[in-house]
Amino acid sequence: MPCKGRCEPVVDSLQHFAHKKDALCYRGASSRSETKMTTSPQSTALTIMVIDDSSTIRRSAEIFLNQAGYQVVLADDGFDALAKINDHHPALVFCDILMPRLDGYQTCALIKKSARFRATPVLMLSSKDGLFDRARGAMVGASAYLTKPFTKDSLLAAVREHAMPQA
């Protein structure tokens, strides 16, 4: 999609992105976006963000996390996640690696560059389990790496181990 007039950098900061996302010019833009937040009965529940282009993975994680009493914010790609993260302040982010438009490594790096979210744990999700993939995740600031398909127990264990308490 060619830019008309001036084009802004893709992301100067997460705050800028959240307010200017409609003005961005980038290739491969689509208007699809799933905005969904499910809430457990607990008002003090931790908020967990799940970023994955697979609706099956998003839905599975959502069910597992809701059953355990967590609030869940879903995003179908990195751009969608960056637009939502400021509004929801997740205690932990699960991020798929292979996604269209903005991959998981780029998404993690952008989250970690923000002073506000630098301490937020980002756990990479991938069907790949190679040493190179794990090392690359660590280089961009990922706290851990969870291989897909994950089980309910492995997902919840990762949350218990890495989630930050929310104020």
Foldseek 3Di string as FASTA:
>chain_A
DDDDDDADPCDPALVCLLVCVVRHDDPPDDPDKDWDKDAAPDPQAFEEEEEALDPVQLVVLCVLQNVVGHIYTYTNHLSNCSNCCVVRVGQEYEAEADHPPAGRLRSLLRQCVHPSRVLRAYEYEEQDDDPVVQVSSVVSPHPYYDYPPDDSVVSVVCCVVRGDRDD
